[in-house]
Each structure stands twice: as C-alpha cells, then as structure tokens.
Amino acid sequence: HGRQIAAALVQGLDGVLMGSRFLVCEEI
C-alpha cells in the first residue's frame, strides 16, 4: 500500500521492494 511507501520514505529509506502485490497484475 502507498501508506507503507510513505512510511518508508519518512523513515529515511530510499524506496521499497514489492512482489506479492503485483501477482494479480494482468501482465503476470
């Protein structure tokens, strides 16, 4: 979720790695 991306950036991290969330995309 985007809230988690925001939380990671607020902590001082530079980005996120995601896999499971994309499993339902049409291109998979």
PDB file of all heavy atoms in Angstrom:
ATOM      1  N   HIS A   1       0.848  -1.194   0.000  1.00  0.00           N
ATOM      2  CA  HIS A   1       0.000   0.000   0.000  1.00  0.00           C
ATOM      3  C   HIS A   1       0.882   1.240   0.000  1.00  0.00           C
ATOM      4  O   HIS A   1       1.990   1.235   0.551  1.00  0.00           O
ATOM      5  CB  HIS A   1      -0.898   0.001   1.238  1.00  0.00           C
ATOM      6  CG  HIS A   1      -2.050   0.958   1.156  1.00  0.00           C
ATOM      7  ND1 HIS A   1      -1.915   2.323   1.354  1.00  0.00           N
ATOM      8  CD2 HIS A   1      -3.376   0.748   0.898  1.00  0.00           C
ATOM      9  CE1 HIS A   1      -3.090   2.907   1.221  1.00  0.00           C
ATOM     10  NE2 HIS A   1      -3.995   1.982   0.944  1.00  0.00           N
ATOM     11  N   GLY A   2       0.370   2.319  -0.611  1.00  0.00           N
ATOM     12  CA  GLY A   2       1.134   3.553  -0.676  1.00  0.00           C
ATOM     13  C   GLY A   2       1.459   4.143   0.683  1.00  0.00           C
ATOM     14  O   GLY A   2       2.472   4.842   0.839  1.00  0.00           O
ATOM     15  N   ARG A   3       0.595   3.892   1.682  1.00  0.00           N
ATOM     16  CA  ARG A   3       0.901   4.383   3.030  1.00  0.00           C
ATOM     17  C   ARG A   3       2.232   3.829   3.528  1.00  0.00           C
ATOM     18  O   ARG A   3       2.984   4.506   4.233  1.00  0.00           O
ATOM     19  CB  ARG A   3      -0.209   3.988   4.000  1.00  0.00           C
ATOM     20  CG  ARG A   3      -1.508   4.756   3.836  1.00  0.00           C
ATOM     21  CD  ARG A   3      -2.455   4.487   5.006  1.00  0.00           C
ATOM     22  NE  ARG A   3      -2.845   3.084   5.057  1.00  0.00           N
ATOM     23  CZ  ARG A   3      -3.960   2.600   4.514  1.00  0.00           C
ATOM     24  NH1 ARG A   3      -4.779   3.423   3.858  1.00  0.00           N
ATOM     25  NH2 ARG A   3      -4.267   1.319   4.615  1.00  0.00           N
ATOM     26  N   GLN A   4       2.516   2.581   3.156  1.00  0.00           N
ATOM     27  CA  GLN A   4       3.775   1.966   3.584  1.00  0.00           C
ATOM     28  C   GLN A   4       4.965   2.565   2.838  1.00  0.00           C
ATOM     29  O   GLN A   4       6.053   2.684   3.404  1.00  0.00           O
ATOM     30  CB  GLN A   4       3.696   0.458   3.360  1.00  0.00           C
ATOM     31  CG  GLN A   4       2.668  -0.235   4.231  1.00  0.00           C
ATOM     32  CD  GLN A   4       2.415  -1.651   3.761  1.00  0.00           C
ATOM     33  OE1 GLN A   4       1.865  -1.877   2.683  1.00  0.00           O
ATOM     34  NE2 GLN A   4       2.837  -2.616   4.557  1.00  0.00           N
ATOM     35  N   ILE A   5       4.755   2.925   1.585  1.00  0.00           N
ATOM     36  CA  ILE A   5       5.821   3.603   0.845  1.00  0.00           C
ATOM     37  C   ILE A   5       6.135   4.930   1.517  1.00  0.00           C
ATOM     38  O   ILE A   5       7.305   5.273   1.744  1.00  0.00           O
ATOM     39  CB  ILE A   5       5.409   3.821  -0.621  1.00  0.00           C
ATOM     40  CG1 ILE A   5       5.179   2.477  -1.315  1.00  0.00           C
ATOM     41  CG2 ILE A   5       6.469   4.639  -1.357  1.00  0.00           C
ATOM     42  CD1 ILE A   5       4.636   2.598  -2.730  1.00  0.00           C
ATOM     43  N   ALA A   6       5.094   5.688   1.850  1.00  0.00           N
ATOM     44  CA  ALA A   6       5.291   6.967   2.539  1.00  0.00           C
ATOM     45  C   ALA A   6       6.013   6.760   3.858  1.00  0.00           C
ATOM     46  O   ALA A   6       6.937   7.515   4.208  1.00  0.00           O
ATOM     47  CB  ALA A   6       3.939   7.645   2.767  1.00  0.00           C
ATOM     48  N   ALA A   7       5.622   5.727   4.605  1.00  0.00           N
ATOM     49  CA  ALA A   7       6.249   5.457   5.898  1.00  0.00           C
ATOM     50  C   ALA A   7       7.728   5.135   5.737  1.00  0.00           C
ATOM     51  O   ALA A   7       8.571   5.577   6.525  1.00  0.00           O
ATOM     52  CB  ALA A   7       5.532   4.305   6.599  1.00  0.00           C
ATOM     53  N   ALA A   8       8.061   4.364   4.702  1.00  0.00           N
ATOM     54  CA  ALA A   8       9.466   4.019   4.462  1.00  0.00           C
ATOM     55  C   ALA A   8      10.276   5.271   4.125  1.00  0.00           C
ATOM     56  O   ALA A   8      11.388   5.463   4.635  1.00  0.00           O
ATOM     57  CB  ALA A   8       9.572   2.992   3.334  1.00  0.00           C
ATOM     58  N   LEU A   9       9.726   6.135   3.284  1.00  0.00           N
ATOM     59  CA  LEU A   9      10.446   7.343   2.900  1.00  0.00           C
ATOM     60  C   LEU A   9      10.612   8.285   4.091  1.00  0.00           C
ATOM     61  O   LEU A   9      11.665   8.909   4.262  1.00  0.00           O
ATOM     62  CB  LEU A   9       9.720   8.045   1.757  1.00  0.00           C
ATOM     63  CG  LEU A   9       9.604   7.264   0.440  1.00  0.00           C
ATOM     64  CD1 LEU A   9       8.849   8.080  -0.596  1.00  0.00           C
ATOM     65  CD2 LEU A   9      10.968   6.845  -0.083  1.00  0.00           C
ATOM     66  N   VAL A  10       9.587   8.381   4.950  1.00  0.00           N
ATOM     67  CA  VAL A  10       9.680   9.231   6.134  1.00  0.00           C
ATOM     68  C   VAL A  10      10.769   8.736   7.072  1.00  0.00           C
ATOM     69  O   VAL A  10      11.467   9.538   7.713  1.00  0.00           O
ATOM     70  CB  VAL A  10       8.314   9.293   6.855  1.00  0.00           C
ATOM     71  CG1 VAL A  10       8.461   9.891   8.246  1.00  0.00           C
ATOM     72  CG2 VAL A  10       7.322  10.113   6.039  1.00  0.00           C
ATOM     73  N   GLN A  11      10.941   7.418   7.136  1.00  0.00           N
ATOM     74  CA  GLN A  11      11.989   6.859   7.995  1.00  0.00           C
ATOM     75  C   GLN A  11      13.392   7.191   7.487  1.00  0.00           C
ATOM     76  O   GLN A  11      14.360   7.056   8.225  1.00  0.00           O
ATOM     77  CB  GLN A  11      11.853   5.335   8.086  1.00  0.00           C
ATOM     78  CG  GLN A  11      10.730   4.853   8.958  1.00  0.00           C
ATOM     79  CD  GLN A  11      10.935   3.407   9.376  1.00  0.00           C
ATOM     80  OE1 GLN A  11      11.862   3.083  10.111  1.00  0.00           O
ATOM     81  NE2 GLN A  11      10.072   2.525   8.907  1.00  0.00           N
ATOM     82  N   GLY A  12      13.495   7.599   6.229  1.00  0.00           N
ATOM     83  CA  GLY A  12      14.802   7.897   5.669  1.00  0.00           C
ATOM     84  C   GLY A  12      15.291   6.871   4.675  1.00  0.00           C
ATOM     85  O   GLY A  12      16.424   6.952   4.191  1.00  0.00           O
ATOM     86  N   LEU A  13      14.422   5.906   4.342  1.00  0.00           N
ATOM     87  CA  LEU A  13      14.766   4.913   3.329  1.00  0.00           C
ATOM     88  C   LEU A  13      14.566   5.521   1.935  1.00  0.00           C
ATOM     89  O   LEU A  13      13.910   6.544   1.777  1.00  0.00           O
ATOM     90  CB  LEU A  13      13.897   3.678   3.501  1.00  0.00           C
ATOM     91  CG  LEU A  13      14.169   2.921   4.823  1.00  0.00           C
ATOM     92  CD1 LEU A  13      12.910   2.253   5.321  1.00  0.00           C
ATOM     93  CD2 LEU A  13      15.284   1.917   4.638  1.00  0.00           C
ATOM     94  N   ASP A  14      15.144   4.859   0.932  1.00  0.00           N
ATOM     95  CA  ASP A  14      15.142   5.419  -0.424  1.00  0.00           C
ATOM     96  C   ASP A  14      14.139   4.775  -1.361  1.00  0.00           C
ATOM     97  O   ASP A  14      14.002   5.203  -2.511  1.00  0.00           O
ATOM     98  CB  ASP A  14      16.543   5.290  -1.021  1.00  0.00           C
ATOM     99  CG  ASP A  14      17.572   6.081  -0.233  1.00  0.00           C
ATOM    100  OD1 ASP A  14      17.599   7.312  -0.372  1.00  0.00           O
ATOM    101  OD2 ASP A  14      18.323   5.458   0.541  1.00  0.00           O
ATOM    102  N   GLY A  15      13.456   3.736  -0.902  1.00  0.00           N
ATOM    103  CA  GLY A  15      12.489   3.076  -1.760  1.00  0.00           C
ATOM    104  C   GLY A  15      12.010   1.783  -1.144  1.00  0.00           C
ATOM    105  O   GLY A  15      12.387   1.420  -0.019  1.00  0.00           O
ATOM    106  N   VAL A  16      11.155   1.079  -1.896  1.00  0.00           N
ATOM    107  CA  VAL A  16      10.599  -0.182  -1.427  1.00  0.00           C
ATOM    108  C   VAL A  16      10.740  -1.252  -2.507  1.00  0.00           C
ATOM    109  O   VAL A  16      10.866  -0.945  -3.695  1.00  0.00           O
ATOM    110  CB  VAL A  16       9.109  -0.039  -1.041  1.00  0.00           C
ATOM    111  CG1 VAL A  16       8.941   0.937   0.116  1.00  0.00           C
ATOM    112  CG2 VAL A  16       8.261   0.375  -2.239  1.00  0.00           C
ATOM    113  N   LEU A  17      10.696  -2.489  -2.054  1.00  0.00           N
ATOM    114  CA  LEU A  17      10.710  -3.659  -2.934  1.00  0.00           C
ATOM    115  C   LEU A  17       9.395  -4.391  -2.725  1.00  0.00           C
ATOM    116  O   LEU A  17       9.017  -4.698  -1.595  1.00  0.00           O
ATOM    117  CB  LEU A  17      11.885  -4.567  -2.580  1.00  0.00           C
ATOM    118  CG  LEU A  17      11.964  -5.924  -3.289  1.00  0.00           C
ATOM    119  CD1 LEU A  17      12.216  -5.738  -4.773  1.00  0.00           C
ATOM    120  CD2 LEU A  17      13.068  -6.784  -2.667  1.00  0.00           C
ATOM    121  N   MET A  18       8.678  -4.662  -3.819  1.00  0.00           N
ATOM    122  CA  MET A  18       7.362  -5.287  -3.736  1.00  0.00           C
ATOM    123  C   MET A  18       7.259  -6.448  -4.714  1.00  0.00           C
ATOM    124  O   MET A  18       7.732  -6.350  -5.845  1.00  0.00           O
ATOM    125  CB  MET A  18       6.269  -4.250  -4.052  1.00  0.00           C
ATOM    126  CG  MET A  18       6.299  -3.022  -3.168  1.00  0.00           C
ATOM    127  SD  MET A  18       5.134  -1.752  -3.713  1.00  0.00           S
ATOM    128  CE  MET A  18       3.607  -2.633  -3.582  1.00  0.00           C
ATOM    129  N   GLY A  19       6.613  -7.522  -4.274  1.00  0.00           N
ATOM    130  CA  GLY A  19       6.412  -8.659  -5.161  1.00  0.00           C
ATOM    131  C   GLY A  19       4.981  -9.160  -5.143  1.00  0.00           C
ATOM    132  O   GLY A  19       4.293  -9.183  -6.164  1.00  0.00           O
ATOM    133  N   SER A  20       4.507  -9.560  -3.961  1.00  0.00           N
ATOM    134  CA  SER A  20       3.184 -10.184  -3.859  1.00  0.00           C
ATOM    135  C   SER A  20       2.068  -9.295  -4.380  1.00  0.00           C
ATOM    136  O   SER A  20       1.122  -9.776  -5.014  1.00  0.00           O
ATOM    137  CB  SER A  20       2.905 -10.572  -2.399  1.00  0.00           C
ATOM    138  OG  SER A  20       3.829 -11.542  -1.947  1.00  0.00           O
ATOM    139  N   ARG A  21       2.177  -7.997  -4.136  1.00  0.00           N
ATOM    140  CA  ARG A  21       1.117  -7.075  -4.564  1.00  0.00           C
ATOM    141  C   ARG A  21       0.936  -7.080  -6.084  1.00  0.00           C
ATOM    142  O   ARG A  21      -0.161  -6.808  -6.598  1.00  0.00           O
ATOM    143  CB  ARG A  21       1.450  -5.658  -4.076  1.00  0.00           C
ATOM    144  CG  ARG A  21       0.423  -4.593  -4.471  1.00  0.00           C
ATOM    145  CD  ARG A  21      -0.926  -4.861  -3.833  1.00  0.00           C
ATOM    146  NE  ARG A  21      -1.936  -3.903  -4.295  1.00  0.00           N
ATOM    147  CZ  ARG A  21      -2.680  -4.071  -5.389  1.00  0.00           C
ATOM    148  NH1 ARG A  21      -2.518  -5.156  -6.149  1.00  0.00           N
ATOM    149  NH2 ARG A  21      -3.590  -3.178  -5.732  1.00  0.00           N
ATOM    150  N   PHE A  22       2.012  -7.392  -6.817  1.00  0.00           N
ATOM    151  CA  PHE A  22       1.939  -7.367  -8.278  1.00  0.00           C
ATOM    152  C   PHE A  22       1.466  -8.684  -8.882  1.00  0.00           C
ATOM    153  O   PHE A  22       1.298  -8.781 -10.104  1.00  0.00           O
ATOM    154  CB  PHE A  22       3.306  -7.013  -8.857  1.00  0.00           C
ATOM    155  CG  PHE A  22       3.759  -5.607  -8.555  1.00  0.00           C
ATOM    156  CD1 PHE A  22       5.057  -5.350  -8.148  1.00  0.00           C
ATOM    157  CD2 PHE A  22       2.888  -4.542  -8.676  1.00  0.00           C
ATOM    158  CE1 PHE A  22       5.485  -4.065  -7.876  1.00  0.00           C
ATOM    159  CE2 PHE A  22       3.297  -3.242  -8.402  1.00  0.00           C
ATOM    160  CZ  PHE A  22       4.594  -2.994  -7.999  1.00  0.00           C
ATOM    161  N   LEU A  23       1.248  -9.712  -8.070  1.00  0.00           N
ATOM    162  CA  LEU A  23       0.889 -11.023  -8.610  1.00  0.00           C
ATOM    163  C   LEU A  23      -0.455 -11.028  -9.336  1.00  0.00           C
ATOM    164  O   LEU A  23      -0.712 -11.916 -10.155  1.00  0.00           O
ATOM    165  CB  LEU A  23       0.863 -12.072  -7.489  1.00  0.00           C
ATOM    166  CG  LEU A  23       2.225 -12.540  -6.988  1.00  0.00           C
ATOM    167  CD1 LEU A  23       2.061 -13.419  -5.759  1.00  0.00           C
ATOM    168  CD2 LEU A  23       2.965 -13.299  -8.089  1.00  0.00           C
ATOM    169  N   VAL A  24      -1.292 -10.054  -9.050  1.00  0.00           N
ATOM    170  CA  VAL A  24      -2.607 -10.020  -9.704  1.00  0.00           C
ATOM    171  C   VAL A  24      -2.630  -9.037 -10.870  1.00  0.00           C
ATOM    172  O   VAL A  24      -3.717  -8.730 -11.392  1.00  0.00           O
ATOM    173  CB  VAL A  24      -3.727  -9.667  -8.693  1.00  0.00           C
ATOM    174  CG1 VAL A  24      -3.852 -10.764  -7.647  1.00  0.00           C
ATOM    175  CG2 VAL A  24      -3.468  -8.312  -8.038  1.00  0.00           C
ATOM    176  N   CYS A  25      -1.484  -8.561 -11.292  1.00  0.00           N
ATOM    177  CA  CYS A  25      -1.493  -7.664 -12.451  1.00  0.00           C
ATOM    178  C   CYS A  25      -1.727  -8.477 -13.731  1.00  0.00           C
ATOM    179  O   CYS A  25      -1.429  -9.671 -13.790  1.00  0.00           O
ATOM    180  CB  CYS A  25      -0.203  -6.852 -12.543  1.00  0.00           C
ATOM    181  SG  CYS A  25       1.246  -7.742 -13.118  1.00  0.00           S
ATOM    182  N   GLU A  26      -2.253  -7.815 -14.733  1.00  0.00           N
ATOM    183  CA  GLU A  26      -2.582  -8.505 -15.982  1.00  0.00           C
ATOM    184  C   GLU A  26      -1.351  -9.072 -16.668  1.00  0.00           C
ATOM    185  O   GLU A  26      -1.436 -10.085 -17.372  1.00  0.00           O
ATOM    186  CB  GLU A  26      -3.303  -7.538 -16.929  1.00  0.00           C
ATOM    187  CG  GLU A  26      -4.695  -7.151 -16.452  1.00  0.00           C
ATOM    188  CD  GLU A  26      -5.372  -6.162 -17.381  1.00  0.00           C
ATOM    189  OE1 GLU A  26      -4.715  -5.711 -18.357  1.00  0.00           O
ATOM    190  OE2 GLU A  26      -6.556  -5.838 -17.149  1.00  0.00           O
ATOM    191  N   GLU A  27      -0.209  -8.443 -16.473  1.00  0.00           N
ATOM    192  CA  GLU A  27       0.998  -8.854 -17.188  1.00  0.00           C
ATOM    193  C   GLU A  27       1.686 -10.076 -16.591  1.00  0.00           C
ATOM    194  O   GLU A  27       2.582 -10.650 -17.206  1.00  0.00           O
ATOM    195  CB  GLU A  27       1.986  -7.686 -17.235  1.00  0.00           C
ATOM    196  CG  GLU A  27       1.524  -6.495 -18.047  1.00  0.00           C
ATOM    197  CD  GLU A  27       0.643  -5.534 -17.285  1.00  0.00           C
ATOM    198  OE1 GLU A  27       0.298  -5.833 -16.111  1.00  0.00           O
ATOM    199  OE2 GLU A  27       0.298  -4.473 -17.827  1.00  0.00           O
ATOM    200  N   ILE A  28       1.302 -10.466 -15.384  1.00  0.00           N
ATOM    201  CA  ILE A  28       1.887 -11.664 -14.769  1.00  0.00           C
ATOM    202  C   ILE A  28       1.366 -12.905 -15.493  1.00  0.00           C
ATOM    203  O   ILE A  28       0.152 -13.083 -15.665  1.00  0.00           O
ATOM    204  CB  ILE A  28       1.529 -11.744 -13.271  1.00  0.00           C
ATOM    205  CG1 ILE A  28       2.423 -10.790 -12.467  1.00  0.00           C
ATOM    206  CG2 ILE A  28       1.676 -13.161 -12.742  1.00  0.00           C
ATOM    207  CD1 ILE A  28       3.838 -11.272 -12.253  1.00  0.00           C
TER     208      ILE A  28
END
